[in-house]
N, C-alpha and C. Protein backbone atom coordinates (compact mmCIF):
# COMPACT_ATOMS: atom_id res chain seq x y z
N MET A 1 38.05 -37.01 13.55
CA MET A 1 37.39 -35.99 12.78
C MET A 1 38.13 -35.86 11.45
N SER A 2 37.38 -35.81 10.42
CA SER A 2 37.97 -35.65 9.09
C SER A 2 38.35 -34.19 8.85
N THR A 3 39.10 -33.95 7.79
CA THR A 3 39.48 -32.59 7.44
C THR A 3 38.25 -31.74 7.14
N GLU A 4 37.28 -32.31 6.47
CA GLU A 4 36.05 -31.59 6.16
C GLU A 4 35.31 -31.20 7.44
N GLU A 5 35.25 -32.12 8.40
CA GLU A 5 34.61 -31.81 9.68
C GLU A 5 35.36 -30.71 10.41
N LEU A 6 36.70 -30.73 10.34
CA LEU A 6 37.51 -29.68 10.97
C LEU A 6 37.19 -28.32 10.35
N ILE A 7 37.08 -28.27 9.04
CA ILE A 7 36.73 -27.01 8.36
C ILE A 7 35.37 -26.52 8.83
N ASN A 8 34.41 -27.40 8.93
CA ASN A 8 33.07 -27.02 9.39
C ASN A 8 33.11 -26.47 10.82
N VAL A 9 33.89 -27.12 11.70
CA VAL A 9 34.02 -26.65 13.08
C VAL A 9 34.68 -25.27 13.10
N CYS A 10 35.74 -25.09 12.31
CA CYS A 10 36.43 -23.80 12.23
C CYS A 10 35.47 -22.68 11.83
N GLN A 11 34.70 -22.94 10.80
CA GLN A 11 33.75 -21.93 10.32
C GLN A 11 32.70 -21.62 11.37
N ALA A 12 32.20 -22.63 12.04
CA ALA A 12 31.19 -22.43 13.07
C ALA A 12 31.74 -21.60 14.23
N VAL A 13 32.94 -21.95 14.69
CA VAL A 13 33.55 -21.24 15.82
C VAL A 13 33.83 -19.79 15.46
N LYS A 14 34.29 -19.54 14.24
CA LYS A 14 34.56 -18.16 13.80
C LYS A 14 33.30 -17.32 13.76
N HIS A 15 32.15 -17.98 13.55
CA HIS A 15 30.87 -17.26 13.51
C HIS A 15 30.17 -17.24 14.87
N GLY A 16 30.86 -17.72 15.91
CA GLY A 16 30.32 -17.65 17.26
C GLY A 16 29.46 -18.82 17.66
N ASP A 17 29.37 -19.85 16.84
CA ASP A 17 28.59 -21.03 17.18
C ASP A 17 29.44 -22.02 17.98
N MET A 18 28.83 -22.64 18.96
CA MET A 18 29.55 -23.62 19.77
C MET A 18 29.44 -25.01 19.14
N ARG A 19 30.50 -25.75 19.24
CA ARG A 19 30.50 -27.13 18.75
C ARG A 19 31.07 -28.03 19.84
N GLN A 20 30.30 -29.04 20.18
CA GLN A 20 30.76 -30.00 21.18
C GLN A 20 31.49 -31.13 20.48
N VAL A 21 32.61 -31.54 21.06
CA VAL A 21 33.39 -32.64 20.51
C VAL A 21 33.71 -33.63 21.62
N THR A 22 34.01 -34.85 21.20
CA THR A 22 34.44 -35.90 22.12
C THR A 22 35.83 -36.35 21.71
N ASN A 23 36.74 -36.35 22.67
CA ASN A 23 38.09 -36.85 22.43
C ASN A 23 38.06 -38.34 22.76
N HIS A 24 38.12 -39.18 21.73
CA HIS A 24 38.00 -40.62 21.96
C HIS A 24 39.23 -41.21 22.62
N LYS A 25 40.38 -40.57 22.55
CA LYS A 25 41.58 -41.06 23.24
C LYS A 25 41.53 -40.78 24.74
N LEU A 26 40.99 -39.61 25.09
CA LEU A 26 40.92 -39.22 26.50
C LEU A 26 39.59 -39.58 27.16
N GLY A 27 38.58 -39.84 26.34
CA GLY A 27 37.26 -40.14 26.88
C GLY A 27 36.60 -38.91 27.50
N LYS A 28 36.91 -37.72 26.96
CA LYS A 28 36.36 -36.46 27.48
C LYS A 28 35.52 -35.78 26.42
N GLU A 29 34.58 -34.94 26.89
CA GLU A 29 33.78 -34.10 26.01
C GLU A 29 34.03 -32.64 26.36
N GLY A 30 33.94 -31.78 25.37
CA GLY A 30 34.12 -30.36 25.62
C GLY A 30 33.58 -29.53 24.49
N ILE A 31 33.64 -28.21 24.67
CA ILE A 31 33.16 -27.24 23.70
C ILE A 31 34.36 -26.58 23.03
N VAL A 32 34.38 -26.58 21.71
CA VAL A 32 35.47 -25.94 20.96
C VAL A 32 35.31 -24.43 21.07
N VAL A 33 36.37 -23.76 21.57
CA VAL A 33 36.33 -22.30 21.70
C VAL A 33 37.26 -21.62 20.71
N ASP A 34 38.20 -22.37 20.13
CA ASP A 34 39.12 -21.81 19.15
C ASP A 34 39.79 -22.95 18.39
N VAL A 35 40.31 -22.62 17.23
CA VAL A 35 41.06 -23.58 16.42
C VAL A 35 42.36 -22.91 16.02
N THR A 36 43.48 -23.59 16.28
CA THR A 36 44.79 -23.07 15.90
C THR A 36 45.49 -24.13 15.07
N GLU A 37 45.71 -23.80 13.79
CA GLU A 37 46.29 -24.73 12.83
C GLU A 37 45.50 -26.03 12.84
N ASP A 38 46.08 -27.13 13.35
CA ASP A 38 45.37 -28.41 13.35
C ASP A 38 45.01 -28.85 14.77
N LYS A 39 44.95 -27.91 15.69
CA LYS A 39 44.60 -28.22 17.09
C LYS A 39 43.31 -27.51 17.47
N LEU A 40 42.57 -28.13 18.36
CA LEU A 40 41.33 -27.55 18.87
C LEU A 40 41.57 -27.07 20.29
N VAL A 41 41.15 -25.87 20.60
CA VAL A 41 41.17 -25.38 21.98
C VAL A 41 39.77 -25.66 22.52
N VAL A 42 39.71 -26.53 23.52
CA VAL A 42 38.44 -27.06 24.00
C VAL A 42 38.25 -26.70 25.47
N ARG A 43 37.05 -26.19 25.80
CA ARG A 43 36.71 -25.92 27.20
C ARG A 43 36.13 -27.19 27.80
N VAL A 44 36.81 -27.67 28.82
CA VAL A 44 36.36 -28.86 29.54
C VAL A 44 36.17 -28.44 30.99
N GLU A 45 34.93 -28.49 31.45
CA GLU A 45 34.58 -27.99 32.78
C GLU A 45 35.07 -26.54 32.89
N ASN A 46 36.00 -26.24 33.78
CA ASN A 46 36.46 -24.86 33.96
C ASN A 46 37.86 -24.63 33.41
N ALA A 47 38.35 -25.51 32.57
CA ALA A 47 39.70 -25.40 32.04
C ALA A 47 39.68 -25.50 30.52
N SER A 48 40.74 -25.00 29.91
CA SER A 48 40.91 -25.14 28.46
C SER A 48 42.00 -26.16 28.20
N GLU A 49 41.78 -26.99 27.20
CA GLU A 49 42.75 -27.99 26.81
C GLU A 49 42.96 -27.91 25.31
N ILE A 50 44.11 -28.35 24.85
CA ILE A 50 44.41 -28.39 23.42
C ILE A 50 44.40 -29.84 22.97
N TRP A 51 43.54 -30.12 22.00
CA TRP A 51 43.39 -31.47 21.48
C TRP A 51 43.70 -31.51 19.99
N ALA A 52 44.27 -32.61 19.55
CA ALA A 52 44.47 -32.86 18.12
C ALA A 52 43.11 -33.19 17.50
N TYR A 53 42.82 -32.61 16.35
CA TYR A 53 41.50 -32.86 15.76
C TYR A 53 41.33 -34.32 15.35
N GLU A 54 42.43 -35.00 15.09
CA GLU A 54 42.35 -36.41 14.70
C GLU A 54 41.80 -37.29 15.82
N ASP A 55 41.94 -36.82 17.07
CA ASP A 55 41.48 -37.59 18.23
C ASP A 55 40.01 -37.32 18.58
N CYS A 56 39.39 -36.43 17.82
CA CYS A 56 38.03 -35.98 18.18
C CYS A 56 36.99 -36.41 17.17
N LYS A 57 35.78 -36.40 17.66
CA LYS A 57 34.62 -36.72 16.82
C LYS A 57 33.50 -35.78 17.16
């Protein structure tokens, strides 16, 4: 994910919109529920995980 895409995801999440991302390193998909600095807090099934935005698309 580029910096511009990260900004767009941050803005969407702050406004209550859900964004689905794929972590290409882990091969997992999830919903972004929060953004902290340069990390994404992602809901995967029933758990939350922290992913680097560089690993996501």
